Amino acid sequence: MLAGTGSDDAVMDVPVNWVHSSDLQDPTPWLEPGQVLLTNGAQFAVNPAVASAPAATKSERDDFVVDYVRRLRETGVLALGFATGVVTDVVPDDLIAACDAARLPLFEVDPAIPFIAIIRFVADVIADDRRSRLEWSLEAQRAVARAALRADGLPAILLELSRRLGCWVGLYDSARTALTVPSLEPVPERLRGEVEAEVLATLARGARASVRVSDDGVGYTMQTLGQTSHLLGVLVVGTTTPFDPAENDLVGSVIGLASIALEQRRALDAARRRLRTGLFELLLSGVVDVADRTATSLWGPLPDEPVHVSVVAGTVSGQSLFDELELAAARHEGGMFYAERGDEILVVSRDPKELESVLRRHGLGAGCSAAVGWADLPRGLTEARRSARSVSREQPFVRFEHLAEQGLQGLLATSGGQLVAQRLLQPVLDLPEDERDMMLRTLRVWLWHNGAWDPAARELGVHRHTLRSRVRVADATLSTDLESFAARAELWSALQLLE
C-alpha cells in the first residue's frame, strides 16, 4: 500500500463489490460506491486544462491529480490500483501525495498481472460469497420451517432466528406484550424501555413498517407482522449492522411464519379459554369427576383438594400472563388450574405462592380464599372475590384468612361498609362541626358503656339528664329507635366503620 491509509484503515475491511478499469480523465460517471478502480496512468500524461498543449505545467498537473482523486473519493471508490511499466515505470509522486491527503488507498499493480486477472479473481470471490450466502439462507430457512412444525412452533421459530443471526430477538403482540420464551435471549434491560416505546409508536400508526434504529454501537430492526389496520405484533431483532440480502430473506420468512402462528394461536387460545371456562362451570356445579377427566386429557389432572381459589385483580392485556400461567401449571402438574369467567381470571391451586410470584412480575394482585374442597368451590369463589376488594398497592395479594383475623368489622370495612356507615350517619355529619363532634363522641361513649347512663355521663363530664337529652336528639336526627338492641348494634358498627 503506497498511500491513503492512516486514519481510514477501517476501509480495508469494507467488502469490494466490483473492480473496474479505466484511463479516462473522469471515470466517476461509470463508477459506484464500493468499487476498486484500476488504471495505467495514461490520463496523467496530457494536460486536461489546455488540450492543445503537449504537456501540462506542474501546477496544472497537480491540480488535475488532486481533483481526480477527490472525485474518486466522493464517488465512494474504495481504492485505486496503478499499473506500472505501461505508461510510467513508477507510481507518480504527486498521485501518491494526493491519495495520501484524501485518505484513498493506493496500491501498485505488477506489470505481469493483467487487469482482467484481478477482475476475474474478484468476480469469483463475489460469486463464491453469494453462493455461500445463498446456501446459508436456504439452510436457515429450512431450519426455521422445521421449527414451525413443532408443537411450540412460535417460540421455536424465534429461537432458531436468534441462533442463526447470533443476536437477541423479541416478539410483541398487538397488545404490546412481549412473548415469553424460555432460553431465548431477551431484549437487553438497558434497551427495554426504548424498544417498548418504539413498539407502541409503530403499532399506534397501524400500518406495516420496517424501522431501523442504530446509535452509538447499539442497533436493532423492527418489522411489523400482519396487514395494515390488522397488525398482529412487532418483531424486534437486535443487530448493530443492517441485514444483508440472505438475512433479509430469513427475517421475511420468520415474519410470514410468525404471522400465521399468531393468527392460529389467537383462534386456539380463544378455544382453550372457552373450554377452561366450561370446565370451571362444571366444577362450580359439582361435576368434578367429568371436569377432572377432561382436564387430565388436555392439560393434566386438577389440583388435589383442599384448594385455594384466587381472583386476579388489575387490568390484564395481551397473552403474556396466560403464557406464564401455562408454564407455571406445566411446572407444577396437577397443582394449578386457571380459567376465565366473564371479566374475571380465576386460578385454583394447592399453593397460591407460585401464583403470587407470577402476578407480582406483571404488576397485578389477587384475592385468595381459604382452603376449600371441590364441593365448596362456590364458597371459595365468594371468599376470593371479597378478598380481591381489599387488594391495594401496599397489599397486592390478600388472603381471606387475613380478613377473618380482622373480625366482622374488618370484613365489613373491606366490603364497602364505610360507605353504608357514612350514609347512615349522614344526618349527624351534616350538623355544624362543633355540634357534630359532640354528638359523635356522646354516642360512642354511651354505646361503649352498653347504654348505661351514669358511667357514660361521668366520662363525658355531663349530668345524666344532659346525656339523655343528647341521645334523644340523636335518635330523632337519625330517625331510629335507640331503645332497641338492633338499632344500637347498627349504630355502633357504623361508628366503628366511620373511624
Protein backbone atom coordinates (compact mmCIF):
# COMPACT_ATOMS: atom_id res chain seq x y z
CA MET A 1 0.00 0.00 0.00
CA LEU A 2 1.55 3.28 -1.15
CA ALA A 3 -0.84 5.84 0.34
CA GLY A 4 -4.29 6.55 1.70
CA THR A 5 -4.16 4.55 4.93
CA GLY A 6 -3.67 6.22 8.31
CA SER A 7 -6.94 7.28 9.97
CA ASP A 8 -9.03 5.39 7.37
CA ASP A 9 -7.59 1.92 7.94
CA ALA A 10 -11.17 0.68 8.50
CA VAL A 11 -11.73 0.90 4.74
CA MET A 12 -9.55 -2.21 4.39
CA ASP A 13 -12.39 -4.25 5.99
CA VAL A 14 -15.11 -2.93 3.66
CA PRO A 15 -16.31 -5.57 1.15
CA VAL A 16 -15.47 -4.86 -2.52
CA ASN A 17 -18.49 -5.21 -4.80
CA TRP A 18 -16.61 -4.89 -8.09
CA VAL A 19 -13.29 -3.93 -9.78
CA HIS A 20 -13.34 -1.55 -12.75
CA SER A 21 -10.52 -0.43 -15.07
CA SER A 22 -10.40 2.97 -16.81
CA ASP A 23 -7.89 5.52 -18.05
CA LEU A 24 -10.48 8.25 -18.55
CA GLN A 25 -9.72 11.67 -17.15
CA ASP A 26 -13.06 11.46 -15.22
CA PRO A 27 -14.30 7.86 -14.84
CA THR A 28 -16.70 8.66 -11.99
CA PRO A 29 -19.91 8.64 -14.12
CA TRP A 30 -19.30 4.90 -14.65
CA LEU A 31 -18.34 4.07 -11.07
CA GLU A 32 -20.38 3.14 -7.99
CA PRO A 33 -19.61 3.19 -4.26
CA GLY A 34 -17.77 0.10 -3.04
CA GLN A 35 -15.71 -0.42 -6.20
CA VAL A 36 -11.95 -0.52 -6.81
CA LEU A 37 -10.54 1.34 -9.83
CA LEU A 38 -7.53 0.11 -11.85
CA THR A 39 -5.59 2.45 -14.18
CA ASN A 40 -2.25 2.59 -16.06
CA GLY A 41 -1.97 6.40 -15.68
CA ALA A 42 -2.48 7.41 -19.32
CA GLN A 43 -4.84 10.21 -18.21
CA PHE A 44 -2.00 11.89 -16.34
CA ALA A 45 0.28 12.14 -19.43
CA VAL A 46 -1.67 15.04 -21.06
CA ASN A 47 -2.77 18.45 -19.81
CA PRO A 48 -6.51 18.29 -19.19
CA ALA A 49 -6.73 22.09 -18.83
CA VAL A 50 -5.07 23.06 -22.14
CA ALA A 51 -5.80 20.41 -24.76
CA SER A 52 -3.56 21.98 -27.43
CA ALA A 53 -0.50 21.86 -25.17
CA PRO A 54 1.70 18.74 -25.45
CA ALA A 55 2.28 18.61 -21.69
CA ALA A 56 0.92 20.18 -18.56
CA THR A 57 2.76 22.56 -16.30
CA LYS A 58 3.49 21.21 -12.83
CA SER A 59 0.80 23.30 -11.09
CA GLU A 60 -1.83 22.36 -13.66
CA ARG A 61 -0.91 18.70 -13.33
CA ASP A 62 -1.03 18.89 -9.53
CA ASP A 63 -4.47 20.46 -9.65
CA PHE A 64 -5.70 17.80 -12.05
CA VAL A 65 -4.37 14.91 -9.90
CA VAL A 66 -5.84 16.34 -6.70
CA ASP A 67 -9.23 16.89 -8.40
CA TYR A 68 -9.13 13.39 -9.92
CA VAL A 69 -8.53 11.76 -6.52
CA ARG A 70 -11.16 13.95 -4.85
CA ARG A 71 -13.82 12.85 -7.36
CA LEU A 72 -12.97 9.19 -6.77
CA ARG A 73 -13.23 9.65 -3.02
CA GLU A 74 -16.57 11.47 -3.26
CA THR A 75 -17.97 8.74 -5.53
CA GLY A 76 -17.22 6.11 -2.89
CA VAL A 77 -14.34 4.33 -4.63
CA LEU A 78 -12.60 2.14 -2.07
CA ALA A 79 -9.09 2.09 -3.59
CA LEU A 80 -7.05 2.95 -6.68
CA GLY A 81 -4.69 0.42 -8.32
CA PHE A 82 -1.89 1.83 -10.52
CA ALA A 83 -0.18 -0.42 -13.09
CA THR A 84 3.50 0.41 -13.60
CA GLY A 85 5.55 -0.49 -16.66
CA VAL A 86 2.88 0.66 -19.14
CA VAL A 87 2.91 4.47 -19.23
CA THR A 88 5.35 5.10 -16.39
CA ASP A 89 7.79 2.83 -14.63
CA VAL A 90 6.83 4.09 -11.16
CA VAL A 91 3.73 5.46 -9.46
CA PRO A 92 3.87 9.27 -9.76
CA ASP A 93 4.79 11.08 -6.56
CA ASP A 94 2.02 13.65 -6.96
CA LEU A 95 -0.57 10.86 -7.21
CA ILE A 96 0.82 9.24 -4.04
CA ALA A 97 0.64 12.61 -2.24
CA ALA A 98 -2.93 13.31 -3.43
CA CYS A 99 -4.17 9.85 -2.38
CA ASP A 100 -2.45 10.17 0.97
CA ALA A 101 -4.06 13.58 1.57
CA ALA A 102 -7.52 12.26 0.58
CA ARG A 103 -7.11 9.00 2.57
CA LEU A 104 -7.75 6.99 -0.61
CA PRO A 105 -5.82 3.69 -0.54
CA LEU A 106 -3.36 3.44 -3.48
CA PHE A 107 -1.57 0.23 -4.46
CA GLU A 108 0.84 -0.72 -7.24
CA VAL A 109 -0.12 -3.42 -9.79
CA ASP A 110 2.78 -5.50 -11.12
CA PRO A 111 3.20 -5.33 -14.94
CA ALA A 112 2.96 -9.12 -15.06
CA ILE A 113 -0.59 -9.10 -13.67
CA PRO A 114 -3.23 -8.15 -16.26
CA PHE A 115 -6.24 -6.18 -15.08
CA ILE A 116 -8.60 -8.90 -16.33
CA ALA A 117 -6.98 -11.40 -13.96
CA ILE A 118 -7.73 -9.14 -10.99
CA ILE A 119 -11.28 -8.53 -12.20
CA ARG A 120 -11.89 -12.29 -12.69
CA PHE A 121 -10.45 -13.08 -9.26
CA VAL A 122 -12.75 -10.55 -7.54
CA ALA A 123 -15.71 -11.77 -9.62
CA ASP A 124 -15.03 -15.35 -8.49
CA VAL A 125 -14.77 -14.28 -4.84
CA ILE A 126 -18.04 -12.35 -5.09
CA ALA A 127 -19.73 -15.33 -6.77
CA ASP A 128 -18.42 -17.71 -4.09
CA ASP A 129 -19.64 -15.38 -1.37
CA ARG A 130 -23.08 -15.08 -2.95
CA ARG A 131 -23.29 -18.84 -3.36
CA SER A 132 -22.22 -19.32 0.24
CA ARG A 133 -24.83 -16.83 1.47
CA LEU A 134 -27.49 -18.49 -0.70
CA GLU A 135 -26.64 -21.88 0.80
CA TRP A 136 -26.72 -20.34 4.28
CA SER A 137 -30.09 -18.75 3.53
CA LEU A 138 -31.61 -21.99 2.22
CA GLU A 139 -30.35 -23.99 5.19
CA ALA A 140 -31.52 -21.34 7.66
CA GLN A 141 -34.98 -21.18 6.08
CA ARG A 142 -35.25 -24.98 6.12
CA ALA A 143 -34.36 -24.93 9.83
CA VAL A 144 -36.99 -22.26 10.53
CA ALA A 145 -39.60 -24.25 8.56
CA ARG A 146 -38.79 -27.37 10.59
CA ALA A 147 -39.11 -25.33 13.81
CA ALA A 148 -42.54 -24.11 12.71
CA LEU A 149 -43.77 -27.73 12.59
CA ARG A 150 -43.00 -28.31 16.26
CA ALA A 151 -45.69 -28.21 18.93
CA ASP A 152 -44.14 -25.00 20.29
CA GLY A 153 -43.82 -23.59 16.77
CA LEU A 154 -43.74 -19.87 17.50
CA PRO A 155 -41.13 -19.99 20.30
CA ALA A 156 -39.07 -22.47 18.24
CA ILE A 157 -39.07 -20.10 15.24
CA LEU A 158 -37.77 -17.22 17.36
CA LEU A 159 -35.08 -19.40 18.94
CA GLU A 160 -33.91 -20.55 15.51
CA LEU A 161 -33.79 -16.98 14.20
CA SER A 162 -31.78 -15.85 17.22
CA ARG A 163 -29.33 -18.74 16.78
CA ARG A 164 -28.86 -18.18 13.04
CA LEU A 165 -28.29 -14.43 13.35
CA GLY A 166 -26.41 -14.64 16.64
CA CYS A 167 -28.42 -11.86 18.31
CA TRP A 168 -31.31 -11.20 20.67
CA VAL A 169 -34.87 -11.38 19.35
CA GLY A 170 -38.14 -10.08 20.80
CA LEU A 171 -41.73 -10.54 19.66
CA TYR A 172 -44.52 -8.23 20.86
CA ASP A 173 -48.18 -8.98 20.24
CA SER A 174 -50.80 -6.40 19.26
CA ALA A 175 -51.26 -5.51 22.95
CA ARG A 176 -47.52 -4.64 23.17
CA THR A 177 -46.89 -7.65 25.41
CA ALA A 178 -43.59 -9.48 24.90
CA LEU A 179 -43.84 -13.19 24.19
CA THR A 180 -42.14 -15.15 26.97
CA VAL A 181 -39.83 -17.83 25.53
CA PRO A 182 -37.56 -19.81 27.88
CA SER A 183 -33.85 -19.81 26.85
CA LEU A 184 -34.41 -17.03 24.28
CA GLU A 185 -32.02 -14.12 24.85
CA PRO A 186 -34.35 -11.26 25.89
CA VAL A 187 -34.25 -7.60 24.95
CA PRO A 188 -31.34 -6.07 26.92
CA GLU A 189 -32.50 -4.35 30.09
CA ARG A 190 -30.91 -1.03 29.08
CA LEU A 191 -32.90 -1.02 25.83
CA ARG A 192 -36.22 -2.36 27.10
CA GLY A 193 -37.90 0.99 27.73
CA GLU A 194 -36.74 2.42 24.40
CA VAL A 195 -37.80 -0.68 22.45
CA GLU A 196 -41.23 -0.80 24.10
CA ALA A 197 -41.76 2.89 23.28
CA GLU A 198 -40.84 2.24 19.64
CA VAL A 199 -43.18 -0.77 19.53
CA LEU A 200 -46.01 1.37 20.93
CA ALA A 201 -45.39 4.08 18.34
CA THR A 202 -45.19 1.56 15.50
CA LEU A 203 -48.43 -0.20 16.47
CA ALA A 204 -50.18 3.14 17.04
CA ARG A 205 -49.57 4.09 13.41
CA GLY A 206 -51.50 0.98 12.38
CA ALA A 207 -49.57 0.50 9.14
CA ARG A 208 -46.99 -2.03 8.03
CA ALA A 209 -43.50 -0.72 8.66
CA SER A 210 -39.84 -1.60 8.92
CA VAL A 211 -37.78 0.55 11.31
CA ARG A 212 -34.01 0.51 11.71
CA VAL A 213 -32.54 2.08 14.87
CA SER A 214 -28.78 2.48 15.20
CA ASP A 215 -26.98 4.72 17.63
CA ASP A 216 -23.63 4.59 19.43
CA GLY A 217 -22.88 0.92 18.79
CA VAL A 218 -26.44 -0.18 19.62
CA GLY A 219 -28.82 -1.24 16.90
CA TYR A 220 -32.00 -3.17 16.25
CA THR A 221 -34.52 -3.65 13.46
CA MET A 222 -38.29 -3.68 13.93
CA GLN A 223 -40.71 -5.33 11.49
CA THR A 224 -44.50 -5.36 11.83
CA LEU A 225 -46.49 -8.57 11.49
CA GLY A 226 -49.85 -8.69 9.75
CA GLN A 227 -51.58 -6.31 7.40
CA THR A 228 -52.30 -2.59 7.63
CA SER A 229 -55.20 -1.94 10.06
CA HIS A 230 -54.82 -5.53 11.31
CA LEU A 231 -51.34 -5.65 12.84
CA LEU A 232 -50.59 -8.80 14.83
CA GLY A 233 -47.43 -7.58 16.50
CA VAL A 234 -43.84 -6.42 16.03
CA LEU A 235 -40.66 -8.50 15.60
CA VAL A 236 -37.52 -6.86 17.02
CA VAL A 237 -34.08 -8.17 16.04
CA GLY A 238 -31.02 -6.78 17.79
CA THR A 239 -28.21 -6.28 15.26
CA THR A 240 -25.66 -3.47 15.10
CA THR A 241 -25.44 -3.72 11.28
CA PRO A 242 -28.22 -3.77 8.66
CA PHE A 243 -29.29 -7.14 7.24
CA ASP A 244 -27.65 -8.46 4.08
CA PRO A 245 -29.97 -9.97 1.41
CA ALA A 246 -29.71 -13.50 2.87
CA GLU A 247 -30.55 -12.26 6.37
CA ASN A 248 -33.41 -10.19 4.96
CA ASP A 249 -34.84 -13.29 3.30
CA LEU A 250 -34.62 -15.23 6.57
CA VAL A 251 -36.31 -12.49 8.57
CA GLY A 252 -39.01 -12.26 5.91
CA SER A 253 -39.68 -15.99 6.22
CA VAL A 254 -39.86 -15.73 10.01
CA ILE A 255 -42.31 -12.83 9.76
CA GLY A 256 -44.57 -14.84 7.47
CA LEU A 257 -44.47 -17.96 9.66
CA ALA A 258 -44.85 -15.95 12.86
CA SER A 259 -47.87 -14.10 11.43
CA ILE A 260 -49.56 -17.40 10.61
CA ALA A 261 -48.65 -18.78 14.03
CA LEU A 262 -50.05 -15.71 15.81
CA GLU A 263 -53.33 -15.93 13.89
CA GLN A 264 -53.63 -19.63 14.66
CA ARG A 265 -52.63 -19.02 18.25
CA ARG A 266 -55.37 -16.40 18.66
CA ALA A 267 -58.02 -18.84 17.49
CA LEU A 268 -56.56 -21.74 19.51
CA ASP A 269 -56.18 -19.65 22.66
CA ALA A 270 -59.77 -18.45 22.36
CA ALA A 271 -60.97 -22.07 22.04
CA ARG A 272 -58.87 -23.18 25.00
CA ARG A 273 -60.17 -20.36 27.16
CA ARG A 274 -63.76 -21.23 26.33
CA LEU A 275 -63.03 -24.86 27.23
CA ARG A 276 -61.45 -23.84 30.54
CA THR A 277 -64.48 -21.66 31.27
CA GLY A 278 -66.78 -24.63 30.64
CA LEU A 279 -64.73 -26.85 32.94
CA PHE A 280 -64.89 -24.25 35.70
CA GLU A 281 -68.67 -24.08 35.35
CA LEU A 282 -68.78 -27.88 35.74
CA LEU A 283 -66.66 -27.59 38.88
CA LEU A 284 -68.96 -24.93 40.33
CA SER A 285 -71.89 -27.23 39.60
CA GLY A 286 -70.21 -30.09 41.47
CA VAL A 287 -69.47 -32.26 38.40
CA VAL A 288 -65.85 -32.68 39.46
CA ASP A 289 -65.20 -36.15 38.00
CA VAL A 290 -66.12 -35.15 34.43
CA ALA A 291 -64.12 -31.90 34.67
CA ASP A 292 -61.10 -33.78 36.07
CA ARG A 293 -61.13 -36.39 33.29
CA THR A 294 -61.39 -33.67 30.64
CA ALA A 295 -58.64 -31.55 32.17
CA THR A 296 -56.36 -34.58 32.56
CA SER A 297 -56.63 -35.43 28.86
CA LEU A 298 -55.78 -31.84 27.86
CA TRP A 299 -53.53 -30.22 30.48
CA GLY A 300 -53.10 -32.63 33.36
CA PRO A 301 -55.12 -33.52 36.45
CA LEU A 302 -56.85 -30.93 38.58
CA PRO A 303 -55.22 -29.99 41.90
CA ASP A 304 -55.92 -32.32 44.82
CA GLU A 305 -58.19 -30.81 47.45
CA PRO A 306 -58.06 -28.80 49.58
CA VAL A 307 -57.52 -25.96 47.11
CA HIS A 308 -57.41 -22.17 47.15
CA VAL A 309 -59.45 -20.05 44.73
CA SER A 310 -57.90 -16.76 43.59
CA VAL A 311 -59.44 -13.87 41.64
CA VAL A 312 -56.89 -11.73 39.75
CA ALA A 313 -57.19 -8.00 40.47
CA GLY A 314 -55.99 -5.46 37.91
CA THR A 315 -56.11 -4.89 34.18
CA VAL A 316 -54.75 -7.73 32.05
CA SER A 317 -53.77 -7.07 28.42
CA GLY A 318 -52.20 -9.37 25.87
CA GLN A 319 -51.23 -13.01 26.20
CA SER A 320 -48.21 -12.74 28.46
CA LEU A 321 -49.98 -13.53 31.76
CA PHE A 322 -51.71 -16.58 30.28
CA ASP A 323 -48.36 -17.77 28.88
CA GLU A 324 -46.85 -17.64 32.35
CA LEU A 325 -49.84 -19.36 33.92
CA GLU A 326 -49.49 -22.15 31.35
CA LEU A 327 -45.79 -22.52 32.19
CA ALA A 328 -46.49 -22.47 35.93
CA ALA A 329 -49.21 -25.11 35.53
CA ALA A 330 -46.84 -27.27 33.47
CA ARG A 331 -44.07 -26.96 36.09
CA HIS A 332 -46.47 -27.95 38.86
CA GLU A 333 -48.58 -30.53 37.03
CA GLY A 334 -51.74 -31.15 38.97
CA GLY A 335 -51.08 -28.14 41.17
CA MET A 336 -52.81 -25.32 39.30
CA PHE A 337 -55.81 -24.72 37.06
CA TYR A 338 -56.91 -21.35 35.67
CA ALA A 339 -59.94 -20.14 33.74
CA GLU A 340 -61.78 -17.02 32.65
CA ARG A 341 -65.33 -16.32 33.73
CA GLY A 342 -66.81 -13.11 32.44
CA ASP A 343 -64.30 -10.37 33.25
CA GLU A 344 -62.61 -12.45 35.94
CA ILE A 345 -59.45 -14.54 35.73
CA LEU A 346 -59.74 -17.37 38.25
CA VAL A 347 -56.94 -19.62 39.49
CA VAL A 348 -57.41 -22.77 41.56
CA SER A 349 -54.22 -24.03 43.19
CA ARG A 350 -52.91 -26.09 46.07
CA ASP A 351 -50.34 -23.44 47.00
CA PRO A 352 -51.01 -19.80 45.98
CA LYS A 353 -47.32 -18.79 46.39
CA GLU A 354 -46.48 -19.63 42.77
CA LEU A 355 -49.41 -17.53 41.55
CA GLU A 356 -48.39 -14.65 43.80
CA SER A 357 -44.89 -14.54 42.26
CA VAL A 358 -46.29 -14.69 38.70
CA LEU A 359 -48.72 -11.83 39.35
CA ARG A 360 -46.04 -9.72 41.00
CA ARG A 361 -43.96 -9.83 37.80
CA HIS A 362 -46.95 -8.44 35.90
CA GLY A 363 -47.81 -5.75 38.44
CA LEU A 364 -51.08 -7.48 39.34
CA GLY A 365 -52.69 -8.62 42.57
CA ALA A 366 -55.30 -11.15 43.65
CA GLY A 367 -57.76 -12.07 46.34
CA CYS A 368 -57.36 -15.61 47.64
CA SER A 369 -59.82 -17.82 49.50
CA ALA A 370 -59.18 -20.06 52.46
CA ALA A 371 -58.56 -23.74 51.71
CA VAL A 372 -61.75 -25.44 50.49
CA GLY A 373 -62.76 -28.76 49.00
CA TRP A 374 -64.09 -29.03 45.46
CA ALA A 375 -67.61 -29.34 46.84
CA ASP A 376 -67.19 -25.92 48.49
CA LEU A 377 -65.81 -24.21 45.38
CA PRO A 378 -68.68 -21.66 45.25
CA ARG A 379 -67.85 -20.59 48.81
CA GLY A 380 -64.18 -20.32 47.86
CA LEU A 381 -65.08 -18.12 44.89
CA THR A 382 -67.12 -15.83 47.14
CA GLU A 383 -64.25 -15.55 49.63
CA ALA A 384 -61.78 -14.81 46.83
CA ARG A 385 -63.99 -12.04 45.48
CA ARG A 386 -64.31 -10.48 48.94
CA SER A 387 -60.54 -10.65 49.36
CA ALA A 388 -59.98 -9.10 45.91
CA ARG A 389 -61.90 -6.00 47.02
CA SER A 390 -59.19 -5.37 49.63
CA VAL A 391 -56.27 -5.53 47.16
CA SER A 392 -54.17 -2.37 47.19
CA ARG A 393 -50.74 -1.24 46.07
CA GLU A 394 -49.43 -1.82 49.59
CA GLN A 395 -51.10 -5.25 49.85
CA PRO A 396 -51.44 -6.72 46.33
CA PHE A 397 -52.18 -10.30 47.46
CA VAL A 398 -54.92 -10.64 50.09
CA ARG A 399 -55.90 -13.95 51.70
CA PHE A 400 -59.34 -14.46 53.18
CA GLU A 401 -57.80 -15.84 56.37
CA HIS A 402 -56.20 -12.44 56.99
CA LEU A 403 -59.56 -10.72 56.57
CA ALA A 404 -61.14 -13.18 59.00
CA GLU A 405 -58.48 -12.31 61.58
CA GLN A 406 -59.73 -8.72 61.46
CA GLY A 407 -63.20 -9.91 62.59
CA LEU A 408 -66.58 -8.93 61.22
CA GLN A 409 -65.74 -5.24 61.33
CA GLY A 410 -62.67 -5.84 59.18
CA LEU A 411 -64.73 -7.76 56.66
CA LEU A 412 -67.35 -5.02 56.55
CA ALA A 413 -64.65 -2.37 56.06
CA THR A 414 -63.19 -4.21 53.06
CA SER A 415 -66.63 -4.85 51.57
CA GLY A 416 -67.71 -1.23 51.23
CA GLY A 417 -69.22 -0.96 54.71
CA GLN A 418 -67.75 2.50 55.23
CA LEU A 419 -70.00 3.93 52.51
CA VAL A 420 -73.06 2.40 54.16
CA ALA A 421 -71.93 3.75 57.55
CA GLN A 422 -71.45 7.23 56.18
CA ARG A 423 -74.90 7.15 54.59
CA LEU A 424 -76.50 6.02 57.88
CA LEU A 425 -74.73 8.75 59.88
CA GLN A 426 -75.11 11.48 57.25
CA PRO A 427 -77.77 13.48 59.20
CA VAL A 428 -75.29 13.84 62.08
CA LEU A 429 -72.36 14.52 59.75
CA ASP A 430 -74.29 17.39 58.19
CA LEU A 431 -74.53 19.23 61.53
CA PRO A 432 -72.20 22.17 62.30
CA GLU A 433 -68.71 20.96 63.20
CA ASP A 434 -68.87 21.55 66.99
CA GLU A 435 -72.33 20.03 67.28
CA ARG A 436 -71.34 17.09 65.05
CA ASP A 437 -68.21 16.23 67.05
CA MET A 438 -70.11 16.47 70.34
CA MET A 439 -72.88 14.20 69.06
CA LEU A 440 -70.49 11.52 67.69
CA ARG A 441 -68.44 11.44 70.93
CA THR A 442 -71.59 11.23 73.04
CA LEU A 443 -72.90 8.25 71.07
CA ARG A 444 -69.53 6.41 71.13
CA VAL A 445 -69.09 6.80 74.90
CA TRP A 446 -72.71 5.90 75.66
CA LEU A 447 -72.63 2.76 73.49
CA TRP A 448 -69.19 1.82 74.86
CA HIS A 449 -70.78 1.72 78.32
CA ASN A 450 -73.57 -0.53 76.97
CA GLY A 451 -76.12 2.28 77.20
CA ALA A 452 -75.58 2.79 80.92
CA TRP A 453 -76.30 6.45 81.77
CA ASP A 454 -74.28 7.16 84.90
CA PRO A 455 -70.80 5.83 83.85
CA ALA A 456 -71.18 7.38 80.39
CA ALA A 457 -72.21 10.76 81.88
CA ARG A 458 -69.22 10.71 84.25
CA GLU A 459 -66.79 10.04 81.37
CA LEU A 460 -68.36 12.81 79.30
CA GLY A 461 -68.36 15.18 82.28
CA VAL A 462 -72.08 15.98 82.00
CA HIS A 463 -75.23 15.30 84.03
CA ARG A 464 -77.08 12.11 83.16
CA HIS A 465 -80.16 14.13 82.21
CA THR A 466 -77.99 16.09 79.73
CA LEU A 467 -76.79 12.78 78.31
CA ARG A 468 -80.38 11.52 77.97
CA SER A 469 -81.32 14.74 76.17
CA ARG A 470 -78.42 14.37 73.72
CA VAL A 471 -79.31 10.72 72.96
CA ARG A 472 -82.96 11.71 72.30
CA VAL A 473 -81.75 14.39 69.86
CA ALA A 474 -79.51 11.83 68.11
CA ASP A 475 -82.41 9.38 67.99
CA ALA A 476 -84.59 11.95 66.25
CA THR A 477 -81.82 13.16 63.95
CA LEU A 478 -81.03 9.63 62.72
CA SER A 479 -84.70 8.59 62.57
CA THR A 480 -84.01 5.42 64.51
CA ASP A 481 -85.04 3.80 67.80
CA LEU A 482 -82.05 3.61 70.12
CA GLU A 483 -84.14 1.84 72.72
CA SER A 484 -83.75 -1.37 70.65
CA PHE A 485 -80.64 -3.53 70.67
CA ALA A 486 -80.63 -3.85 66.85
CA ALA A 487 -80.51 -0.09 66.37
CA ARG A 488 -77.74 0.28 68.94
CA ALA A 489 -75.71 -2.54 67.32
CA GLU A 490 -76.10 -0.99 63.87
CA LEU A 491 -75.13 2.45 65.18
CA TRP A 492 -72.06 1.05 66.95
CA SER A 493 -70.90 -0.73 63.75
CA ALA A 494 -71.42 2.46 61.73
CA LEU A 495 -69.38 4.50 64.22
CA GLN A 496 -66.55 1.94 64.16
CA LEU A 497 -66.51 1.86 60.34
CA LEU A 498 -66.55 5.63 60.18
CA GLU A 499 -63.30 5.75 62.18
